[in-house]
Amino acid sequence: MTGYFHLAIDSRDRFIGGWCLERGSLLDGLEAIAQHLHRLVPMTWIREEPAPPFPPWAVGYFRAFGTG
């Protein structure tokens, strides 16, 4: 499954935007997404304060690669 995903900063703690599947979409590639925002499935991301802790499997994964 492939598609397009677009988020814009609405505030310090909120992104708004949407997504659509590539197949069957009326978009002509990523460059056209800004002209067709009304066709995206809407979504809002809100920051959680305080941020929840990373799950143990994620901590172990990043430590294994020296990035955590």
PDB file of N, CA and C in Angstrom:
ATOM      1  N   MET A   1       0.847  -1.156   0.000  1.00  0.00           N
ATOM      2  CA  MET A   1       0.000   0.000   0.000  1.00  0.00           C
ATOM      3  C   MET A   1       0.904   1.233   0.000  1.00  0.00           C
ATOM      4  N   THR A   2       0.644   2.148  -0.881  1.00  0.00           N
ATOM      5  CA  THR A   2       1.373   3.411  -0.933  1.00  0.00           C
ATOM      6  C   THR A   2       0.369   4.548  -1.018  1.00  0.00           C
ATOM      7  N   GLY A   3       0.827   5.705  -0.630  1.00  0.00           N
ATOM      8  CA  GLY A   3      -0.057   6.851  -0.674  1.00  0.00           C
ATOM      9  C   GLY A   3       0.669   8.129  -0.344  1.00  0.00           C
ATOM     10  N   TYR A   4      -0.096   9.156  -0.064  1.00  0.00           N
ATOM     11  CA  TYR A   4       0.438  10.475   0.231  1.00  0.00           C
ATOM     12  C   TYR A   4      -0.069  10.934   1.592  1.00  0.00           C
ATOM     13  N   PHE A   5       0.773  11.673   2.280  1.00  0.00           N
ATOM     14  CA  PHE A   5       0.499  12.108   3.638  1.00  0.00           C
ATOM     15  C   PHE A   5       0.965  13.553   3.734  1.00  0.00           C
ATOM     16  N   HIS A   6       0.129  14.437   4.218  1.00  0.00           N
ATOM     17  CA  HIS A   6       0.486  15.856   4.301  1.00  0.00           C
ATOM     18  C   HIS A   6       0.058  16.399   5.657  1.00  0.00           C
ATOM     19  N   LEU A   7       1.005  17.033   6.364  1.00  0.00           N
ATOM     20  CA  LEU A   7       0.695  17.699   7.620  1.00  0.00           C
ATOM     21  C   LEU A   7       1.233  19.120   7.563  1.00  0.00           C
ATOM     22  N   ALA A   8       0.500  20.043   8.138  1.00  0.00           N
ATOM     23  CA  ALA A   8       0.952  21.431   8.252  1.00  0.00           C
ATOM     24  C   ALA A   8       0.895  21.820   9.728  1.00  0.00           C
ATOM     25  N   ILE A   9       1.829  22.655  10.142  1.00  0.00           N
ATOM     26  CA  ILE A   9       1.858  23.111  11.527  1.00  0.00           C
ATOM     27  C   ILE A   9       0.716  24.095  11.743  1.00  0.00           C
ATOM     28  N   ASP A  10      -0.157  23.757  12.684  1.00  0.00           N
ATOM     29  CA  ASP A  10      -1.264  24.637  13.040  1.00  0.00           C
ATOM     30  C   ASP A  10      -0.921  25.441  14.289  1.00  0.00           C
ATOM     31  N   SER A  11      -0.204  24.809  15.209  1.00  0.00           N
ATOM     32  CA  SER A  11       0.271  25.470  16.428  1.00  0.00           C
ATOM     33  C   SER A  11       1.455  24.668  16.955  1.00  0.00           C
ATOM     34  N   ARG A  12       1.997  25.105  18.079  1.00  0.00           N
ATOM     35  CA  ARG A  12       3.145  24.406  18.660  1.00  0.00           C
ATOM     36  C   ARG A  12       2.829  22.950  18.983  1.00  0.00           C
ATOM     37  N   ASP A  13       1.591  22.667  19.290  1.00  0.00           N
ATOM     38  CA  ASP A  13       1.199  21.335  19.721  1.00  0.00           C
ATOM     39  C   ASP A  13       0.227  20.629  18.783  1.00  0.00           C
ATOM     40  N   ARG A  14       0.012  21.167  17.588  1.00  0.00           N
ATOM     41  CA  ARG A  14      -0.974  20.548  16.711  1.00  0.00           C
ATOM     42  C   ARG A  14      -0.572  20.648  15.244  1.00  0.00           C
ATOM     43  N   PHE A  15      -0.668  19.507  14.548  1.00  0.00           N
ATOM     44  CA  PHE A  15      -0.507  19.443  13.089  1.00  0.00           C
ATOM     45  C   PHE A  15      -1.869  19.078  12.513  1.00  0.00           C
ATOM     46  N   ILE A  16      -2.195  19.626  11.361  1.00  0.00           N
ATOM     47  CA  ILE A  16      -3.420  19.245  10.668  1.00  0.00           C
ATOM     48  C   ILE A  16      -3.073  18.880   9.238  1.00  0.00           C
ATOM     49  N   GLY A  17      -3.854  18.003   8.655  1.00  0.00           N
ATOM     50  CA  GLY A  17      -3.599  17.588   7.283  1.00  0.00           C
ATOM     51  C   GLY A  17      -4.470  16.414   6.906  1.00  0.00           C
ATOM     52  N   GLY A  18      -3.899  15.519   6.087  1.00  0.00           N
ATOM     53  CA  GLY A  18      -4.657  14.374   5.637  1.00  0.00           C
ATOM     54  C   GLY A  18      -3.813  13.406   4.846  1.00  0.00           C
ATOM     55  N   TRP A  19      -4.460  12.380   4.349  1.00  0.00           N
ATOM     56  CA  TRP A  19      -3.771  11.347   3.589  1.00  0.00           C
ATOM     57  C   TRP A  19      -4.691  10.816   2.501  1.00  0.00           C
ATOM     58  N   CYS A  20      -4.097  10.133   1.516  1.00  0.00           N
ATOM     59  CA  CYS A  20      -4.860   9.423   0.493  1.00  0.00           C
ATOM     60  C   CYS A  20      -3.997   8.316  -0.082  1.00  0.00           C
ATOM     61  N   LEU A  21      -4.631   7.297  -0.595  1.00  0.00           N
ATOM     62  CA  LEU A  21      -3.911   6.227  -1.263  1.00  0.00           C
ATOM     63  C   LEU A  21      -3.427   6.716  -2.619  1.00  0.00           C
ATOM     64  N   GLU A  22      -2.279   6.191  -3.040  1.00  0.00           N
ATOM     65  CA  GLU A  22      -1.758   6.585  -4.344  1.00  0.00           C
ATOM     66  C   GLU A  22      -2.631   6.033  -5.461  1.00  0.00           C
ATOM     67  N   ARG A  23      -2.967   4.754  -5.390  1.00  0.00           N
ATOM     68  CA  ARG A  23      -3.781   4.132  -6.425  1.00  0.00           C
ATOM     69  C   ARG A  23      -5.215   4.651  -6.346  1.00  0.00           C
ATOM     70  N   GLY A  24      -5.721   5.097  -7.418  1.00  0.00           N
ATOM     71  CA  GLY A  24      -7.083   5.589  -7.455  1.00  0.00           C
ATOM     72  C   GLY A  24      -7.225   7.037  -7.034  1.00  0.00           C
ATOM     73  N   SER A  25      -6.121   7.652  -6.619  1.00  0.00           N
ATOM     74  CA  SER A  25      -6.228   9.054  -6.232  1.00  0.00           C
ATOM     75  C   SER A  25      -6.202   9.930  -7.471  1.00  0.00           C
ATOM     76  N   LEU A  26      -6.704  11.113  -7.331  1.00  0.00           N
ATOM     77  CA  LEU A  26      -6.694  12.052  -8.438  1.00  0.00           C
ATOM     78  C   LEU A  26      -5.467  12.955  -8.396  1.00  0.00           C
ATOM     79  N   LEU A  27      -4.567  12.665  -7.465  1.00  0.00           N
ATOM     80  CA  LEU A  27      -3.356  13.463  -7.364  1.00  0.00           C
ATOM     81  C   LEU A  27      -2.368  13.042  -8.433  1.00  0.00           C
ATOM     82  N   ASP A  28      -1.599  13.974  -8.880  1.00  0.00           N
ATOM     83  CA  ASP A  28      -0.590  13.716  -9.904  1.00  0.00           C
ATOM     84  C   ASP A  28       0.793  13.721  -9.265  1.00  0.00           C
ATOM     85  N   GLY A  29       0.968  12.945  -8.235  1.00  0.00           N
ATOM     86  CA  GLY A  29       2.246  12.914  -7.536  1.00  0.00           C
ATOM     87  C   GLY A  29       2.262  13.863  -6.358  1.00  0.00           C
ATOM     88  N   LEU A  30       3.346  13.799  -5.621  1.00  0.00           N
ATOM     89  CA  LEU A  30       3.467  14.568  -4.385  1.00  0.00           C
ATOM     90  C   LEU A  30       3.399  16.072  -4.622  1.00  0.00           C
ATOM     91  N   GLU A  31       3.859  16.536  -5.759  1.00  0.00           N
ATOM     92  CA  GLU A  31       3.861  17.971  -6.042  1.00  0.00           C
ATOM     93  C   GLU A  31       2.451  18.554  -6.085  1.00  0.00           C
ATOM     94  N   ALA A  32       1.462  17.744  -6.404  1.00  0.00           N
ATOM     95  CA  ALA A  32       0.089  18.231  -6.557  1.00  0.00           C
ATOM     96  C   ALA A  32      -0.706  18.205  -5.260  1.00  0.00           C
ATOM     97  N   ILE A  33      -0.128  17.664  -4.194  1.00  0.00           N
ATOM     98  CA  ILE A  33      -0.919  17.461  -2.980  1.00  0.00           C
ATOM     99  C   ILE A  33      -1.441  18.776  -2.390  1.00  0.00           C
ATOM    100  N   ALA A  34      -0.675  19.835  -2.441  1.00  0.00           N
ATOM    101  CA  ALA A  34      -1.099  21.114  -1.860  1.00  0.00           C
ATOM    102  C   ALA A  34      -2.315  21.695  -2.586  1.00  0.00           C
ATOM    103  N   GLN A  35      -2.510  21.325  -3.841  1.00  0.00           N
ATOM    104  CA  GLN A  35      -3.641  21.842  -4.607  1.00  0.00           C
ATOM    105  C   GLN A  35      -4.913  21.021  -4.397  1.00  0.00           C
ATOM    106  N   HIS A  36      -4.778  19.857  -3.715  1.00  0.00           N
ATOM    107  CA  HIS A  36      -5.916  18.955  -3.558  1.00  0.00           C
ATOM    108  C   HIS A  36      -6.125  18.548  -2.103  1.00  0.00           C
ATOM    109  N   LEU A  37      -5.824  19.434  -1.174  1.00  0.00           N
ATOM    110  CA  LEU A  37      -5.966  19.103   0.239  1.00  0.00           C
ATOM    111  C   LEU A  37      -7.402  18.729   0.600  1.00  0.00           C
ATOM    112  N   HIS A  38      -8.370  19.291  -0.100  1.00  0.00           N
ATOM    113  CA  HIS A  38      -9.778  19.000   0.175  1.00  0.00           C
ATOM    114  C   HIS A  38     -10.145  17.552  -0.151  1.00  0.00           C
ATOM    115  N   ARG A  39      -9.310  16.844  -0.912  1.00  0.00           N
ATOM    116  CA  ARG A  39      -9.583  15.454  -1.279  1.00  0.00           C
ATOM    117  C   ARG A  39      -8.947  14.456  -0.321  1.00  0.00           C
ATOM    118  N   LEU A  40      -8.158  14.921   0.629  1.00  0.00           N
ATOM    119  CA  LEU A  40      -7.482  14.027   1.553  1.00  0.00           C
ATOM    120  C   LEU A  40      -8.415  13.604   2.687  1.00  0.00           C
ATOM    121  N   VAL A  41      -8.160  12.427   3.237  1.00  0.00           N
ATOM    122  CA  VAL A  41      -8.860  11.986   4.438  1.00  0.00           C
ATOM    123  C   VAL A  41      -8.283  12.809   5.586  1.00  0.00           C
ATOM    124  N   PRO A  42      -9.100  13.614   6.268  1.00  0.00           N
ATOM    125  CA  PRO A  42      -8.561  14.542   7.259  1.00  0.00           C
ATOM    126  C   PRO A  42      -8.005  13.837   8.498  1.00  0.00           C
ATOM    127  N   MET A  43      -6.992  14.473   9.087  1.00  0.00           N
ATOM    128  CA  MET A  43      -6.440  14.002  10.352  1.00  0.00           C
ATOM    129  C   MET A  43      -5.814  15.160  11.107  1.00  0.00           C
ATOM    130  N   THR A  44      -5.742  15.012  12.424  1.00  0.00           N
ATOM    131  CA  THR A  44      -5.112  15.999  13.299  1.00  0.00           C
ATOM    132  C   THR A  44      -4.206  15.253  14.263  1.00  0.00           C
ATOM    133  N   TRP A  45      -2.972  15.734  14.399  1.00  0.00           N
ATOM    134  CA  TRP A  45      -2.035  15.178  15.381  1.00  0.00           C
ATOM    135  C   TRP A  45      -1.872  16.191  16.488  1.00  0.00           C
ATOM    136  N   ILE A  46      -2.063  15.754  17.730  1.00  0.00           N
ATOM    137  CA  ILE A  46      -1.923  16.633  18.885  1.00  0.00           C
ATOM    138  C   ILE A  46      -0.841  16.067  19.807  1.00  0.00           C
ATOM    139  N   ARG A  47       0.103  16.912  20.183  1.00  0.00           N
ATOM    140  CA  ARG A  47       1.188  16.491  21.069  1.00  0.00           C
ATOM    141  C   ARG A  47       0.644  16.175  22.455  1.00  0.00           C
ATOM    142  N   GLU A  48       1.108  15.063  23.020  1.00  0.00           N
ATOM    143  CA  GLU A  48       0.746  14.702  24.389  1.00  0.00           C
ATOM    144  C   GLU A  48       1.760  15.318  25.340  1.00  0.00           C
ATOM    145  N   GLU A  49       1.282  15.951  26.377  1.00  0.00           N
ATOM    146  CA  GLU A  49       2.149  16.524  27.401  1.00  0.00           C
ATOM    147  C   GLU A  49       1.782  15.938  28.748  1.00  0.00           C
ATOM    148  N   PRO A  50       2.672  15.353  29.470  1.00  0.00           N
ATOM    149  CA  PRO A  50       4.024  15.024  29.038  1.00  0.00           C
ATOM    150  C   PRO A  50       3.991  13.853  28.062  1.00  0.00           C
ATOM    151  N   ALA A  51       5.019  13.789  27.247  1.00  0.00           N
ATOM    152  CA  ALA A  51       5.101  12.721  26.254  1.00  0.00           C
ATOM    153  C   ALA A  51       5.195  11.365  26.955  1.00  0.00           C
ATOM    154  N   PRO A  52       4.473  10.360  26.450  1.00  0.00           N
ATOM    155  CA  PRO A  52       4.565   9.037  27.079  1.00  0.00           C
ATOM    156  C   PRO A  52       5.963   8.450  26.879  1.00  0.00           C
ATOM    157  N   PRO A  53       6.411   7.573  27.767  1.00  0.00           N
ATOM    158  CA  PRO A  53       7.740   6.974  27.618  1.00  0.00           C
ATOM    159  C   PRO A  53       7.788   6.054  26.408  1.00  0.00           C
ATOM    160  N   PHE A  54       8.983   5.885  25.859  1.00  0.00           N
ATOM    161  CA  PHE A  54       9.158   4.949  24.751  1.00  0.00           C
ATOM    162  C   PHE A  54       8.960   3.523  25.263  1.00  0.00           C
ATOM    163  N   PRO A  55       8.369   2.643  24.473  1.00  0.00           N
ATOM    164  CA  PRO A  55       8.221   1.256  24.917  1.00  0.00           C
ATOM    165  C   PRO A  55       9.599   0.583  24.977  1.00  0.00           C
ATOM    166  N   PRO A  56       9.759  -0.412  25.853  1.00  0.00           N
ATOM    167  CA  PRO A  56      11.058  -1.067  26.015  1.00  0.00           C
ATOM    168  C   PRO A  56      11.648  -1.611  24.715  1.00  0.00           C
ATOM    169  N   TRP A  57      10.809  -2.137  23.807  1.00  0.00           N
ATOM    170  CA  TRP A  57      11.355  -2.677  22.553  1.00  0.00           C
ATOM    171  C   TRP A  57      11.997  -1.577  21.718  1.00  0.00           C
ATOM    172  N   ALA A  58      11.437  -0.368  21.747  1.00  0.00           N
ATOM    173  CA  ALA A  58      12.001   0.740  20.969  1.00  0.00           C
ATOM    174  C   ALA A  58      13.317   1.206  21.572  1.00  0.00           C
ATOM    175  N   VAL A  59      13.382   1.281  22.905  1.00  0.00           N
ATOM    176  CA  VAL A  59      14.623   1.677  23.578  1.00  0.00           C
ATOM    177  C   VAL A  59      15.732   0.683  23.225  1.00  0.00           C
ATOM    178  N   GLY A  60      15.435  -0.608  23.287  1.00  0.00           N
ATOM    179  CA  GLY A  60      16.425  -1.634  22.954  1.00  0.00           C
ATOM    180  C   GLY A  60      16.890  -1.555  21.511  1.00  0.00           C
ATOM    181  N   TYR A  61      15.960  -1.288  20.602  1.00  0.00           N
ATOM    182  CA  TYR A  61      16.292  -1.186  19.182  1.00  0.00           C
ATOM    183  C   TYR A  61      17.284  -0.046  18.936  1.00  0.00           C
ATOM    184  N   PHE A  62      16.998   1.133  19.462  1.00  0.00           N
ATOM    185  CA  PHE A  62      17.877   2.272  19.227  1.00  0.00           C
ATOM    186  C   PHE A  62      19.204   2.139  19.958  1.00  0.00           C
ATOM    187  N   ARG A  63      19.208   1.511  21.112  1.00  0.00           N
ATOM    188  CA  ARG A  63      20.476   1.271  21.817  1.00  0.00           C
ATOM    189  C   ARG A  63      21.358   0.321  21.025  1.00  0.00           C
ATOM    190  N   ALA A  64      20.767  -0.664  20.376  1.00  0.00           N
ATOM    191  CA  ALA A  64      21.528  -1.640  19.585  1.00  0.00           C
ATOM    192  C   ALA A  64      22.277  -0.976  18.444  1.00  0.00           C
ATOM    193  N   PHE A  65      21.765   0.119  17.942  1.00  0.00           N
ATOM    194  CA  PHE A  65      22.415   0.834  16.838  1.00  0.00           C
ATOM    195  C   PHE A  65      23.174   2.069  17.305  1.00  0.00           C
ATOM    196  N   GLY A  66      23.265   2.247  18.618  1.00  0.00           N
ATOM    197  CA  GLY A  66      24.007   3.375  19.153  1.00  0.00           C
ATOM    198  C   GLY A  66      23.365   4.728  18.923  1.00  0.00           C
ATOM    199  N   THR A  67      22.056   4.735  18.702  1.00  0.00           N
ATOM    200  CA  THR A  67      21.368   6.003  18.450  1.00  0.00           C
ATOM    201  C   THR A  67      20.441   6.388  19.588  1.00  0.00           C
ATOM    202  N   GLY A  68      20.418   5.598  20.660  1.00  0.00           N
ATOM    203  CA  GLY A  68      19.469   5.878  21.727  1.00  0.00           C
ATOM    204  C   GLY A  68      20.117   6.301  23.005  1.00  0.00           C
TER     205      GLY A  68
END
